[in-house]
Amino acid sequence: MGIFKEIPPTAGFPLYLKDIFSIFSKETNTDTLENHFKAYLKIPYTQITYSGTAAFYLILETIKKLSPRKTVIIPAFICPLVPLAIKRAGLVVKVCDIQKDNFNFNYDELRKMCENNTDILAIVPTHLAGIPVDMDKTVEIAHKNGIYIIEDCAQSLGAEYKGKKIGTIGDFAFFSLCRGKGLTVYEGGVITTHNPEYGAKIDATIKQLVKNNFCSETLKVIELIGYWFIYRPQLFWWAYRLPQIFWNLRGEEIRAFTEYYTDDFPIHKISGFRKKFGSVAFFRLKDAIEQQRHYAFYYIESLKDIPGIKIITEPEETKATYPYLTLIFNESIKRSKVFDALYASGLGISQIYACAITEYKYLRNIIQNKSCPNAQSLSLRQITLSTSIFLDKNTLRTVINKLENFKY
């Protein structure tokens, strides 16, 4: 790529001028973002929230009123905001390791955790990289032990598991509409449930906790318009790469990858203005997912025979959305050499998270000191390839050639 030109590392939706003009058109009751989600997921209840984290937090605040249990199980490779939301809700985090080369729970460990602890309130299966995890095993373990399932669908809107959309299988689910996450309102989230009674309880929680914040929401509208301007390869370097350079020079890797958070995240109401942006863009979702899959399959077919690299792909009877493609190296030293050489290339090469959730120093007062060898190993061996709309065949071939011909 040219100097200061940067392919976004994930397949976020760009915004178009026509989106801005369209938001001033008359909206009918069926055109709302909530109704688009209901129709798309075929469920009776959705709520749009300030963020995916706020959505998760509001679910937790709801279910803790339904049970005296206090513990929530999360996978060991997950966004740091998830345990922070659990802490803010006054609940306890327990971490379960994942499998060696994919994002599924270690189900033997999960089963033991649930059978040996009667305080488990919820399990949070997490569909990373748009790839559905094994919901059959999760449901079997949860139902056997009277545990709620909250699907983390922040990266998987549109993915399918055995003919069902992800986010419709557990008791609750949350999605992210944050920048870079595909369909976006710059920062936003969605709560879903297939149970209308749960929906009524969510509504009661929202009425109690979610208020208006004019100043904060006005800032988000301005940032949304700024996102429209800057989310393109010619300008993205300044918003994405430059801050990373700054933090890396200070030795702050976690901040460089925007993985330092606090538990005072906002939960205020999202304006109709921003929701309408999402409503206007919703009709691009199907085509965008197919394009992401096209790029992912092109990479998969081209890279599948490279020794020492495994690609995390969709399991049988599932359909992944691939907002990025994840490669797992057989040795962390090989991964480090590739990542160090290509990360600053502007070709959309990145990583998911910097480390396993148990290794974030600033979370040590929330998460127990526990060894999660599979998550720790995977975090050191993974890189991601972008499936952004801004890619073209030449860029794809450039990435493939660099990986095929890399000298270790």
Protein backbone atom coordinates (compact mmCIF):
# COMPACT_ATOMS: atom_id res chain seq x y z
CA MET A 1 0.00 0.00 0.00
CA GLY A 2 1.06 3.61 -0.43
CA ILE A 3 2.37 5.64 2.47
CA PHE A 4 -0.42 6.64 4.88
CA LYS A 5 -2.87 4.34 3.08
CA GLU A 6 -4.52 1.75 5.32
CA ILE A 7 -7.06 -1.01 4.69
CA PRO A 8 -9.29 -1.30 7.79
CA PRO A 9 -8.60 -4.59 9.61
CA THR A 10 -12.30 -5.53 9.76
CA ALA A 11 -15.18 -5.36 7.31
CA GLY A 12 -16.91 -2.29 8.68
CA PHE A 13 -19.62 -0.63 6.63
CA PRO A 14 -18.57 2.64 5.02
CA LEU A 15 -21.21 5.34 5.17
CA TYR A 16 -22.36 7.12 2.02
CA LEU A 17 -23.71 10.57 1.30
CA LYS A 18 -27.00 8.98 0.27
CA ASP A 19 -27.25 7.59 3.82
CA ILE A 20 -27.16 11.12 5.21
CA PHE A 21 -29.82 12.31 2.77
CA SER A 22 -31.98 9.23 3.36
CA ILE A 23 -32.30 9.80 7.09
CA PHE A 24 -34.47 12.82 6.41
CA SER A 25 -37.02 10.76 4.49
CA LYS A 26 -40.23 9.83 6.27
CA GLU A 27 -39.91 6.66 8.33
CA THR A 28 -42.83 4.29 8.76
CA ASN A 29 -43.33 2.09 11.79
CA THR A 30 -41.93 -0.90 9.87
CA ASP A 31 -38.77 0.98 8.83
CA THR A 32 -37.30 1.24 12.32
CA LEU A 33 -33.97 -0.38 13.13
CA GLU A 34 -35.65 -2.45 15.84
CA ASN A 35 -38.14 -3.86 13.34
CA HIS A 36 -35.42 -4.62 10.81
CA PHE A 37 -33.68 -6.74 13.45
CA LYS A 38 -36.93 -8.48 14.43
CA ALA A 39 -37.67 -9.39 10.82
CA TYR A 40 -34.11 -10.43 10.03
CA LEU A 41 -33.69 -12.62 13.11
CA LYS A 42 -37.34 -13.74 13.20
CA ILE A 43 -37.75 -12.90 16.88
CA PRO A 44 -40.38 -10.87 18.76
CA TYR A 45 -38.11 -8.58 20.79
CA THR A 46 -35.19 -6.23 20.16
CA GLN A 47 -33.91 -3.07 21.80
CA ILE A 48 -31.27 -0.70 20.44
CA THR A 49 -28.78 0.42 23.09
CA TYR A 50 -25.85 2.79 23.41
CA SER A 51 -23.32 -0.01 22.82
CA GLY A 52 -22.92 -3.76 22.76
CA THR A 53 -21.42 -3.50 26.25
CA ALA A 54 -24.44 -1.55 27.47
CA ALA A 55 -26.69 -4.21 25.95
CA PHE A 56 -24.84 -6.97 27.81
CA TYR A 57 -24.91 -4.99 31.05
CA LEU A 58 -28.67 -4.41 30.80
CA ILE A 59 -29.23 -8.13 30.23
CA LEU A 60 -27.18 -8.89 33.35
CA GLU A 61 -29.10 -6.33 35.39
CA THR A 62 -32.29 -8.05 34.28
CA ILE A 63 -31.40 -11.68 34.93
CA LYS A 64 -29.84 -11.04 38.33
CA LYS A 65 -33.37 -10.12 39.46
CA LEU A 66 -34.61 -13.52 38.27
CA SER A 67 -32.14 -15.66 40.22
CA PRO A 68 -30.08 -15.48 43.42
CA ARG A 69 -27.05 -16.81 41.54
CA LYS A 70 -24.11 -14.44 41.00
CA THR A 71 -21.50 -16.05 38.72
CA VAL A 72 -21.11 -15.59 34.96
CA ILE A 73 -18.85 -17.85 32.88
CA ILE A 74 -16.98 -16.33 29.94
CA PRO A 75 -14.45 -17.82 27.50
CA ALA A 76 -10.78 -17.06 28.06
CA PHE A 77 -10.41 -15.27 24.72
CA ILE A 78 -12.85 -12.37 24.74
CA CYS A 79 -13.11 -8.57 24.76
CA PRO A 80 -12.12 -7.00 28.12
CA LEU A 81 -15.38 -5.04 28.19
CA VAL A 82 -17.28 -8.26 28.90
CA PRO A 83 -15.83 -8.88 32.39
CA LEU A 84 -16.03 -5.15 33.12
CA ALA A 85 -19.79 -5.23 32.43
CA ILE A 86 -20.14 -8.24 34.73
CA LYS A 87 -18.28 -6.38 37.48
CA ARG A 88 -20.45 -3.29 37.05
CA ALA A 89 -23.56 -5.44 37.41
CA GLY A 90 -22.25 -6.64 40.78
CA LEU A 91 -21.67 -10.19 39.56
CA VAL A 92 -18.70 -12.55 39.62
CA VAL A 93 -16.56 -13.51 36.61
CA LYS A 94 -15.39 -17.08 36.07
CA VAL A 95 -13.21 -17.94 33.08
CA CYS A 96 -13.34 -21.15 31.07
CA ASP A 97 -10.53 -22.03 28.68
CA ILE A 98 -11.19 -22.45 24.96
CA GLN A 99 -10.11 -25.19 22.59
CA LYS A 100 -6.62 -25.28 21.16
CA ASP A 101 -7.20 -23.94 17.65
CA ASN A 102 -10.71 -22.45 17.65
CA PHE A 103 -12.99 -20.22 19.72
CA ASN A 104 -15.21 -22.90 21.29
CA PHE A 105 -15.25 -23.45 25.03
CA ASN A 106 -13.28 -26.37 26.38
CA TYR A 107 -16.56 -28.18 26.97
CA ASP A 108 -15.18 -30.72 29.43
CA GLU A 109 -13.99 -27.85 31.59
CA LEU A 110 -17.25 -25.92 31.13
CA ARG A 111 -19.30 -28.95 32.13
CA LYS A 112 -17.28 -29.45 35.32
CA MET A 113 -17.53 -25.75 36.20
CA CYS A 114 -21.31 -25.84 35.89
CA GLU A 115 -21.83 -29.14 37.68
CA ASN A 116 -19.53 -28.28 40.59
CA ASN A 117 -20.83 -24.77 41.27
CA THR A 118 -24.48 -24.05 42.04
CA ASP A 119 -23.92 -20.29 41.79
CA ILE A 120 -23.61 -20.13 37.98
CA LEU A 121 -26.12 -17.57 36.69
CA ALA A 122 -25.16 -17.42 33.01
CA ILE A 123 -22.81 -18.70 30.32
CA VAL A 124 -21.62 -16.35 27.57
CA PRO A 125 -20.82 -18.30 24.36
CA THR A 126 -18.89 -15.92 22.12
CA HIS A 127 -19.08 -16.07 18.34
CA LEU A 128 -15.75 -14.46 17.45
CA ALA A 129 -14.78 -13.58 13.88
CA GLY A 130 -18.33 -14.20 12.69
CA ILE A 131 -17.93 -17.94 13.34
CA PRO A 132 -20.66 -19.72 15.34
CA VAL A 133 -19.51 -21.78 18.30
CA ASP A 134 -21.09 -25.11 19.27
CA MET A 135 -24.47 -24.07 20.65
CA ASP A 136 -25.76 -27.64 21.02
CA LYS A 137 -23.19 -28.42 23.70
CA THR A 138 -23.65 -25.04 25.35
CA VAL A 139 -27.44 -25.44 25.51
CA GLU A 140 -27.16 -29.00 26.83
CA ILE A 141 -24.83 -27.96 29.67
CA ALA A 142 -26.82 -24.82 30.52
CA HIS A 143 -30.25 -26.44 30.53
CA LYS A 144 -29.07 -29.37 32.60
CA ASN A 145 -27.90 -26.96 35.30
CA GLY A 146 -30.58 -24.25 35.14
CA ILE A 147 -28.25 -21.62 33.68
CA TYR A 148 -29.09 -18.72 31.37
CA ILE A 149 -27.34 -18.41 28.01
CA ILE A 150 -26.34 -14.94 26.81
CA GLU A 151 -24.94 -15.09 23.29
CA ASP A 152 -22.13 -12.64 22.55
CA CYS A 153 -22.84 -11.81 18.91
CA ALA A 154 -20.81 -8.59 18.77
CA GLN A 155 -18.83 -9.87 15.76
CA SER A 156 -21.37 -12.19 14.18
CA LEU A 157 -24.50 -10.41 12.94
CA GLY A 158 -25.91 -12.60 10.16
CA ALA A 159 -24.07 -15.81 11.05
CA GLU A 160 -26.11 -19.02 11.16
CA TYR A 161 -26.02 -22.20 13.23
CA LYS A 162 -27.94 -25.20 11.87
CA GLY A 163 -30.36 -22.97 10.01
CA LYS A 164 -30.91 -20.51 12.86
CA LYS A 165 -29.49 -17.02 13.03
CA ILE A 166 -26.91 -16.54 15.75
CA GLY A 167 -28.52 -14.55 18.55
CA THR A 168 -31.76 -16.53 18.50
CA ILE A 169 -30.63 -19.72 20.25
CA GLY A 170 -29.76 -18.62 23.78
CA ASP A 171 -32.09 -16.98 26.26
CA PHE A 172 -30.66 -13.56 25.41
CA ALA A 173 -28.14 -12.14 22.95
CA PHE A 174 -26.37 -8.90 22.29
CA PHE A 175 -24.89 -7.43 19.12
CA SER A 176 -22.54 -4.51 18.53
CA LEU A 177 -23.16 -1.65 16.11
CA CYS A 178 -19.79 -0.09 16.86
CA ARG A 179 -17.54 1.40 14.19
CA GLY A 180 -15.69 -1.25 12.23
CA LYS A 181 -18.24 -3.95 13.16
CA GLY A 182 -20.15 -4.06 9.89
CA LEU A 183 -23.54 -2.41 10.33
CA THR A 184 -22.80 0.65 12.47
CA VAL A 185 -24.25 3.74 14.09
CA TYR A 186 -20.69 4.62 15.22
CA GLU A 187 -21.38 3.21 18.67
CA GLY A 188 -24.44 1.14 19.42
CA GLY A 189 -25.75 -2.23 20.46
CA VAL A 190 -28.76 -4.53 20.26
CA ILE A 191 -30.48 -6.71 22.85
CA THR A 192 -32.49 -9.66 21.54
CA THR A 193 -34.55 -12.44 23.06
CA HIS A 194 -37.06 -14.91 21.65
CA ASN A 195 -39.02 -14.81 24.93
CA PRO A 196 -41.52 -11.91 25.17
CA GLU A 197 -41.64 -12.26 28.98
CA TYR A 198 -37.89 -11.68 29.13
CA GLY A 199 -38.38 -8.74 26.78
CA ALA A 200 -40.83 -7.13 29.21
CA LYS A 201 -38.30 -7.51 32.01
CA ILE A 202 -35.59 -5.94 29.83
CA ASP A 203 -37.93 -3.02 29.18
CA ALA A 204 -38.39 -2.54 32.92
CA THR A 205 -34.62 -2.50 33.44
CA ILE A 206 -34.15 0.02 30.64
CA LYS A 207 -36.86 2.26 32.08
CA GLN A 208 -35.07 2.19 35.42
CA LEU A 209 -31.47 2.67 34.27
CA VAL A 210 -31.31 4.28 30.82
CA LYS A 211 -31.69 8.05 30.64
CA ASN A 212 -31.18 10.78 28.05
CA ASN A 213 -27.80 12.50 27.75
CA PHE A 214 -28.04 15.26 25.17
CA CYS A 215 -24.37 16.32 25.25
CA SER A 216 -22.98 12.80 24.95
CA GLU A 217 -25.41 11.85 22.20
CA THR A 218 -24.65 15.04 20.26
CA LEU A 219 -20.96 14.12 20.39
CA LYS A 220 -21.77 10.66 18.99
CA VAL A 221 -23.68 12.20 16.10
CA ILE A 222 -20.65 14.37 15.31
CA GLU A 223 -18.36 11.33 15.56
CA LEU A 224 -20.67 9.37 13.26
CA ILE A 225 -20.36 12.07 10.61
CA GLY A 226 -16.59 12.09 11.17
CA TYR A 227 -16.58 8.32 10.67
CA TRP A 228 -18.29 8.81 7.30
CA PHE A 229 -15.47 11.17 6.32
CA ILE A 230 -12.47 9.19 7.58
CA TYR A 231 -13.44 5.53 7.08
CA ARG A 232 -11.60 5.05 3.79
CA PRO A 233 -8.05 3.83 3.06
CA GLN A 234 -6.76 7.28 2.14
CA LEU A 235 -7.57 8.69 5.60
CA PHE A 236 -7.93 5.68 7.92
CA TRP A 237 -4.19 5.65 8.74
CA TRP A 238 -4.55 8.91 10.67
CA ALA A 239 -7.36 7.63 12.89
CA TYR A 240 -6.13 4.04 13.30
CA ARG A 241 -2.40 3.66 12.76
CA LEU A 242 -1.12 6.98 14.11
CA PRO A 243 -2.57 6.46 17.63
CA GLN A 244 -1.12 2.94 17.63
CA ILE A 245 2.32 4.30 16.82
CA PHE A 246 2.01 6.78 19.68
CA TRP A 247 1.06 4.15 22.26
CA ASN A 248 3.58 1.59 21.01
CA LEU A 249 6.35 4.16 21.36
CA ARG A 250 5.31 4.47 25.00
CA GLY A 251 5.36 0.69 25.45
CA GLU A 252 1.56 0.52 25.91
CA GLU A 253 0.56 -2.40 23.70
CA ILE A 254 -2.89 -2.79 25.27
CA ARG A 255 -3.75 0.86 24.64
CA ALA A 256 -2.23 0.66 21.15
CA PHE A 257 -4.77 -2.01 20.25
CA THR A 258 -7.60 -0.08 21.95
CA GLU A 259 -8.05 -2.77 24.58
CA TYR A 260 -7.88 -0.62 27.70
CA TYR A 261 -11.34 0.08 29.11
CA THR A 262 -13.06 0.96 32.38
CA ASP A 263 -16.40 -0.06 33.85
CA ASP A 264 -17.94 3.43 33.61
CA PHE A 265 -19.11 2.92 30.02
CA PRO A 266 -22.18 5.00 29.06
CA ILE A 267 -25.63 3.42 28.92
CA HIS A 268 -27.77 6.41 27.92
CA LYS A 269 -30.42 6.40 25.21
CA ILE A 270 -29.41 6.43 21.55
CA SER A 271 -31.04 9.08 19.37
CA GLY A 272 -33.50 8.38 16.58
CA PHE A 273 -31.07 10.19 14.26
CA ARG A 274 -28.35 7.57 14.73
CA LYS A 275 -30.80 4.68 14.68
CA LYS A 276 -32.03 5.85 11.32
CA PHE A 277 -28.48 5.64 9.97
CA GLY A 278 -28.52 1.97 10.90
CA SER A 279 -31.97 1.50 9.41
CA VAL A 280 -30.90 3.00 6.09
CA ALA A 281 -27.76 0.84 5.94
CA PHE A 282 -29.49 -2.38 7.03
CA PHE A 283 -30.42 -3.29 3.47
CA ARG A 284 -26.72 -3.57 2.57
CA LEU A 285 -26.15 -6.27 5.19
CA LYS A 286 -26.87 -9.34 3.04
CA ASP A 287 -24.65 -8.24 0.14
CA ALA A 288 -21.88 -7.15 2.51
CA ILE A 289 -21.81 -10.55 4.20
CA GLU A 290 -21.62 -12.33 0.86
CA GLN A 291 -18.71 -10.14 -0.18
CA GLN A 292 -16.91 -10.85 3.09
CA ARG A 293 -17.42 -14.56 2.55
CA HIS A 294 -16.15 -14.25 -1.02
CA TYR A 295 -12.90 -12.64 0.15
CA ALA A 296 -12.54 -15.14 3.00
CA PHE A 297 -12.97 -18.14 0.70
CA TYR A 298 -10.48 -16.66 -1.75
CA TYR A 299 -7.94 -16.45 1.07
CA ILE A 300 -8.83 -19.91 2.37
CA GLU A 301 -8.40 -21.58 -1.02
CA SER A 302 -5.11 -19.80 -1.65
CA LEU A 303 -3.55 -20.32 1.80
CA LYS A 304 -4.84 -23.75 2.83
CA ASP A 305 -1.68 -25.62 1.78
CA ILE A 306 0.90 -23.38 3.48
CA PRO A 307 2.72 -25.55 6.04
CA GLY A 308 2.40 -24.47 9.66
CA ILE A 309 -0.74 -22.35 9.22
CA LYS A 310 -4.29 -23.33 10.15
CA ILE A 311 -7.28 -21.22 9.13
CA ILE A 312 -10.28 -20.98 11.46
CA THR A 313 -13.23 -21.66 9.18
CA GLU A 314 -16.94 -22.26 9.61
CA PRO A 315 -17.86 -25.66 11.08
CA GLU A 316 -20.30 -27.94 9.29
CA GLU A 317 -23.94 -26.83 9.40
CA THR A 318 -22.96 -23.23 10.08
CA LYS A 319 -22.56 -20.08 8.03
CA ALA A 320 -19.88 -17.62 9.10
CA THR A 321 -19.87 -13.93 8.20
CA TYR A 322 -16.07 -13.50 8.27
CA PRO A 323 -15.65 -9.81 9.20
CA TYR A 324 -12.01 -10.89 9.13
CA LEU A 325 -10.24 -14.21 8.65
CA THR A 326 -8.16 -15.75 11.44
CA LEU A 327 -4.91 -17.64 10.81
CA ILE A 328 -3.31 -19.77 13.53
CA PHE A 329 0.41 -20.52 13.26
CA ASN A 330 1.81 -23.74 14.66
CA GLU A 331 4.59 -21.78 16.40
CA SER A 332 4.33 -18.41 18.12
CA ILE A 333 7.79 -17.36 16.92
CA LYS A 334 6.70 -17.76 13.29
CA ARG A 335 3.58 -15.75 13.97
CA SER A 336 5.63 -12.99 15.60
CA LYS A 337 7.93 -12.72 12.61
CA VAL A 338 5.04 -12.52 10.16
CA PHE A 339 3.08 -10.08 12.29
CA ASP A 340 6.05 -7.78 12.89
CA ALA A 341 6.86 -7.74 9.17
CA LEU A 342 3.34 -7.21 7.81
CA TYR A 343 1.36 -5.45 10.52
CA ALA A 344 2.36 -1.95 9.38
CA SER A 345 1.99 -2.78 5.68
CA GLY A 346 -1.41 -1.12 5.38
CA LEU A 347 -2.84 -4.39 3.99
CA GLY A 348 -5.36 -4.95 6.79
CA ILE A 349 -3.29 -7.47 8.77
CA SER A 350 -3.94 -7.34 12.51
CA GLN A 351 -4.86 -9.50 15.51
CA ILE A 352 -8.03 -10.16 17.51
CA TYR A 353 -6.93 -9.51 21.10
CA ALA A 354 -3.48 -8.96 22.54
CA CYS A 355 -3.72 -11.77 25.07
CA ALA A 356 -6.00 -14.16 26.94
CA ILE A 357 -8.50 -12.40 29.21
CA THR A 358 -6.68 -13.69 32.32
CA GLU A 359 -3.51 -11.85 31.28
CA TYR A 360 -4.76 -8.25 31.22
CA LYS A 361 -3.06 -6.70 34.24
CA TYR A 362 -5.75 -4.08 34.76
CA LEU A 363 -8.41 -6.81 35.12
CA ARG A 364 -6.69 -8.71 37.91
CA ASN A 365 -9.08 -7.40 40.54
CA ILE A 366 -11.98 -8.86 38.52
CA ILE A 367 -10.66 -12.14 37.12
CA GLN A 368 -9.21 -14.94 39.18
CA ASN A 369 -5.60 -15.97 38.68
CA LYS A 370 -6.09 -18.98 36.44
CA SER A 371 -4.05 -20.73 33.80
CA CYS A 372 -5.84 -20.96 30.45
CA PRO A 373 -3.17 -22.59 28.29
CA ASN A 374 -5.23 -22.91 25.11
CA ALA A 375 -6.32 -19.27 25.08
CA GLN A 376 -2.85 -18.11 26.03
CA SER A 377 -1.33 -20.16 23.22
CA LEU A 378 -3.89 -19.08 20.62
CA SER A 379 -3.40 -15.41 21.49
CA LEU A 380 0.30 -15.76 20.68
CA ARG A 381 -0.27 -17.63 17.40
CA GLN A 382 -3.10 -15.69 15.69
CA ILE A 383 -3.22 -13.00 13.07
CA THR A 384 -6.19 -11.69 11.12
CA LEU A 385 -6.69 -10.80 7.46
CA SER A 386 -9.18 -8.11 6.53
CA THR A 387 -12.24 -8.81 4.40
CA SER A 388 -13.00 -5.10 4.01
CA ILE A 389 -15.01 -3.71 1.12
CA PHE A 390 -11.93 -1.64 0.26
CA LEU A 391 -9.95 -4.72 -0.81
CA ASP A 392 -9.45 -5.62 -4.45
CA LYS A 393 -8.00 -8.67 -6.18
CA ASN A 394 -4.54 -7.12 -6.43
CA THR A 395 -4.42 -6.44 -2.69
CA LEU A 396 -5.63 -9.95 -1.92
CA ARG A 397 -2.92 -11.41 -4.14
CA THR A 398 -0.30 -9.21 -2.48
CA VAL A 399 -1.23 -10.53 0.96
CA ILE A 400 -1.26 -14.12 -0.29
CA ASN A 401 2.12 -13.76 -1.99
CA LYS A 402 3.68 -12.29 1.14
CA LEU A 403 2.43 -15.19 3.26
CA GLU A 404 3.36 -17.85 0.69
CA ASN A 405 6.88 -16.51 0.24
CA PHE A 406 7.64 -15.40 3.78
CA LYS A 407 11.16 -16.33 4.90
CA TYR A 408 11.24 -17.42 8.53
